[in-house]
Amino acid sequence: ALWSKTATIAENDLRDRARAVEAHERVVALEASAKSLDALARLTADLGDAKQTCKWLERRLEGATPQERVSLLFKLARARLEAGDRGAALESLEAAFAEAPK
């Protein structure tokens, strides 16, 4: 809980994204919480690190509910495209369409 609070303070009060990333990484090292994985994906995207964004979105997908998966797959497709991996981006889009409610 301490690292989670540190991450929140770093991001919201100090506006220090790099420090927030470090704190969320410590949270995830202890327990892969959806909140911290979402924050890591968002923060690394804001910092322009698409490869790290992909890493965190992939981890987030591991524990995602069926209702969350489609949105996460679209985010992952965008991040993979920004990372220059068009093939993986296409795979994410295909998975999102396959899992989307009909």
Protein backbone atom coordinates (compact mmCIF):
# COMPACT_ATOMS: atom_id res chain seq x y z
CA ALA A 1 0.00 0.00 0.00
CA LEU A 2 2.92 2.33 0.68
CA TRP A 3 4.30 2.08 -2.87
CA SER A 4 0.82 2.58 -4.30
CA LYS A 5 0.41 5.77 -2.26
CA THR A 6 3.88 6.91 -3.32
CA ALA A 7 2.93 6.36 -6.97
CA THR A 8 -0.27 8.38 -6.57
CA ILE A 9 1.58 11.26 -4.90
CA ALA A 10 4.33 11.21 -7.53
CA GLU A 11 1.86 11.31 -10.39
CA ASN A 12 -0.86 13.60 -9.05
CA ASP A 13 0.88 15.94 -6.61
CA LEU A 14 4.46 16.06 -7.88
CA ARG A 15 3.62 15.53 -11.57
CA ASP A 16 6.69 13.26 -11.73
CA ARG A 17 5.74 10.51 -14.17
CA ALA A 18 9.12 8.77 -14.01
CA ARG A 19 8.93 8.47 -10.23
CA ALA A 20 5.33 7.28 -10.50
CA VAL A 21 6.43 4.57 -12.95
CA GLU A 22 9.14 3.43 -10.52
CA ALA A 23 6.68 3.24 -7.64
CA HIS A 24 4.06 1.37 -9.67
CA GLU A 25 6.75 -1.08 -10.82
CA ARG A 26 7.44 -1.83 -7.15
CA VAL A 27 3.74 -2.39 -6.54
CA VAL A 28 3.56 -4.80 -9.48
CA ALA A 29 6.67 -6.63 -8.28
CA LEU A 30 4.80 -7.40 -5.06
CA GLU A 31 1.35 -7.98 -6.55
CA ALA A 32 0.21 -7.44 -10.12
CA SER A 33 -2.72 -5.15 -9.37
CA ALA A 34 -4.91 -4.03 -12.25
CA LYS A 35 -4.75 -0.45 -11.00
CA SER A 36 -0.96 -0.31 -11.12
CA LEU A 37 -0.72 -2.16 -14.44
CA ASP A 38 -3.23 0.29 -15.95
CA ALA A 39 -1.24 3.20 -14.52
CA LEU A 40 2.03 1.81 -15.88
CA ALA A 41 0.52 1.42 -19.35
CA ARG A 42 -0.88 4.96 -19.24
CA LEU A 43 2.28 6.56 -17.86
CA THR A 44 4.68 4.81 -20.23
CA ALA A 45 2.43 5.80 -23.14
CA ASP A 46 2.52 9.41 -21.91
CA LEU A 47 6.31 9.17 -21.74
CA GLY A 48 6.40 7.89 -25.33
CA ASP A 49 7.77 4.44 -24.47
CA ALA A 50 5.55 2.22 -26.64
CA LYS A 51 7.53 -0.96 -25.99
CA GLN A 52 7.08 -0.61 -22.23
CA THR A 53 3.41 0.23 -22.78
CA CYS A 54 3.05 -3.05 -24.67
CA LYS A 55 4.75 -4.93 -21.85
CA TRP A 56 2.37 -3.56 -19.23
CA LEU A 57 -0.75 -4.06 -21.37
CA GLU A 58 0.27 -7.66 -22.04
CA ARG A 59 0.65 -8.22 -18.29
CA ARG A 60 -2.71 -6.54 -17.69
CA LEU A 61 -4.39 -8.83 -20.20
CA GLU A 62 -3.28 -11.88 -18.20
CA GLY A 63 -5.71 -11.08 -15.39
CA ALA A 64 -8.35 -9.18 -17.34
CA THR A 65 -12.01 -10.04 -17.19
CA PRO A 66 -13.79 -10.86 -20.45
CA GLN A 67 -15.44 -7.43 -20.30
CA GLU A 68 -12.05 -5.67 -20.09
CA ARG A 69 -10.21 -7.67 -22.75
CA VAL A 70 -11.55 -5.99 -25.91
CA SER A 71 -10.65 -2.49 -24.74
CA LEU A 72 -7.22 -3.66 -23.59
CA LEU A 73 -6.60 -5.42 -26.91
CA PHE A 74 -7.39 -2.22 -28.82
CA LYS A 75 -4.97 -0.28 -26.58
CA LEU A 76 -2.35 -2.97 -27.11
CA ALA A 77 -2.84 -2.81 -30.88
CA ARG A 78 -2.27 0.96 -30.80
CA ALA A 79 0.84 0.59 -28.63
CA ARG A 80 2.25 -2.16 -30.85
CA LEU A 81 1.69 0.01 -33.91
CA GLU A 82 3.50 2.90 -32.20
CA ALA A 83 6.33 0.49 -31.31
CA GLY A 84 6.63 -0.36 -35.01
CA ASP A 85 5.28 -3.91 -34.79
CA ARG A 86 2.50 -3.92 -37.37
CA GLY A 87 2.13 -7.70 -37.37
CA ALA A 88 1.56 -7.88 -33.63
CA ALA A 89 -0.79 -4.88 -33.85
CA LEU A 90 -2.87 -6.72 -36.43
CA GLU A 91 -2.96 -9.82 -34.21
CA SER A 92 -4.26 -7.70 -31.32
CA LEU A 93 -6.96 -6.17 -33.52
CA GLU A 94 -8.01 -9.60 -34.80
CA ALA A 95 -8.22 -10.88 -31.22
CA ALA A 96 -10.26 -7.84 -30.18
CA PHE A 97 -12.76 -8.36 -33.00
CA ALA A 98 -12.94 -12.10 -32.26
CA GLU A 99 -13.67 -11.46 -28.58
CA ALA A 100 -16.04 -8.53 -29.07
CA PRO A 101 -19.67 -9.20 -28.20
CA LYS A 102 -21.71 -10.05 -31.26
